[in-house]
Structures are given as structure tokens and as C-alpha cells.
Amino acid sequence: GRQLYQIPILHISEGFNHLPLVLSGALIVLFSVEHVLAMLHGKEVIPSWH
């Protein structure tokens, strides 16, 4: 069978080590899509931190 590697103290799969990378990649894609759509519509993206 398939052996699952777990983080001992947390009892979760080692696959969760990759979750931050996947989430940050998804956020980068969303950011890029927003800017591409704004460019296509001739609008400027207003930064939310201003």
C-alpha cells in the first residue's frame, strides 16, 4: 500500500508543507488576472494600501 508520511506532533500529512507555496502561487495568479483585466478595459488598478 501507500505509506503516508505525517508530521509527528501535529498528526497531519507532510503534504501540508507545500500548502503555503500553493496558496501564495494562487494569490499571485489572482493579482495578475486583476491587472490583465484592468489593462484590457483601459482602467487603472487602485492599490488598496493607499
Protein backbone atom coordinates (compact mmCIF):
# COMPACT_ATOMS: atom_id res chain seq x y z
CA GLY A 1 0.00 0.00 0.00
CA ARG A 2 0.78 3.65 0.04
CA GLN A 3 2.67 4.96 3.03
CA LEU A 4 1.63 8.36 4.36
CA TYR A 5 4.29 10.49 5.98
CA GLN A 6 2.99 12.50 8.89
CA ILE A 7 4.33 15.34 10.99
CA PRO A 8 4.55 13.56 14.37
CA ILE A 9 3.29 16.22 16.79
CA LEU A 10 0.53 17.59 14.56
CA HIS A 11 -0.61 14.24 13.06
CA ILE A 12 -1.10 15.80 9.64
CA SER A 13 0.34 14.79 6.28
CA GLU A 14 3.74 16.09 5.17
CA GLY A 15 1.90 17.38 2.10
CA PHE A 16 0.75 20.34 4.19
CA ASN A 17 4.35 21.59 4.00
CA HIS A 18 3.57 22.63 0.41
CA LEU A 19 0.35 24.48 1.25
CA PRO A 20 1.96 27.94 1.73
CA LEU A 21 3.63 27.66 -1.69
CA VAL A 22 0.35 26.67 -3.37
CA LEU A 23 -1.61 29.45 -1.65
CA SER A 24 0.94 32.13 -2.48
CA GLY A 25 1.00 30.98 -6.11
CA ALA A 26 -2.79 31.21 -6.29
CA LEU A 27 -2.70 34.75 -4.87
CA ILE A 28 -0.09 35.79 -7.42
CA VAL A 29 -2.31 34.43 -10.22
CA LEU A 30 -5.33 36.36 -8.87
CA PHE A 31 -3.27 39.55 -8.64
CA SER A 32 -2.09 39.09 -12.24
CA VAL A 33 -5.60 38.38 -13.54
CA GLU A 34 -6.86 41.58 -11.89
CA HIS A 35 -4.17 43.63 -13.62
CA VAL A 36 -4.67 41.97 -17.02
CA LEU A 37 -8.44 42.60 -16.86
CA ALA A 38 -7.85 46.22 -15.88
CA MET A 39 -5.44 46.66 -18.81
CA LEU A 40 -7.95 45.17 -21.25
CA HIS A 41 -10.66 47.55 -20.04
CA GLY A 42 -8.33 50.55 -20.05
CA LYS A 43 -8.63 51.09 -16.32
CA GLU A 44 -6.03 51.60 -13.62
CA VAL A 45 -5.86 49.33 -10.60
CA ILE A 46 -6.03 51.41 -7.44
CA PRO A 47 -3.80 49.94 -4.70
CA SER A 48 -5.77 49.03 -1.60
CA TRP A 49 -2.99 50.17 0.73
CA HIS A 50 -3.46 53.87 -0.19
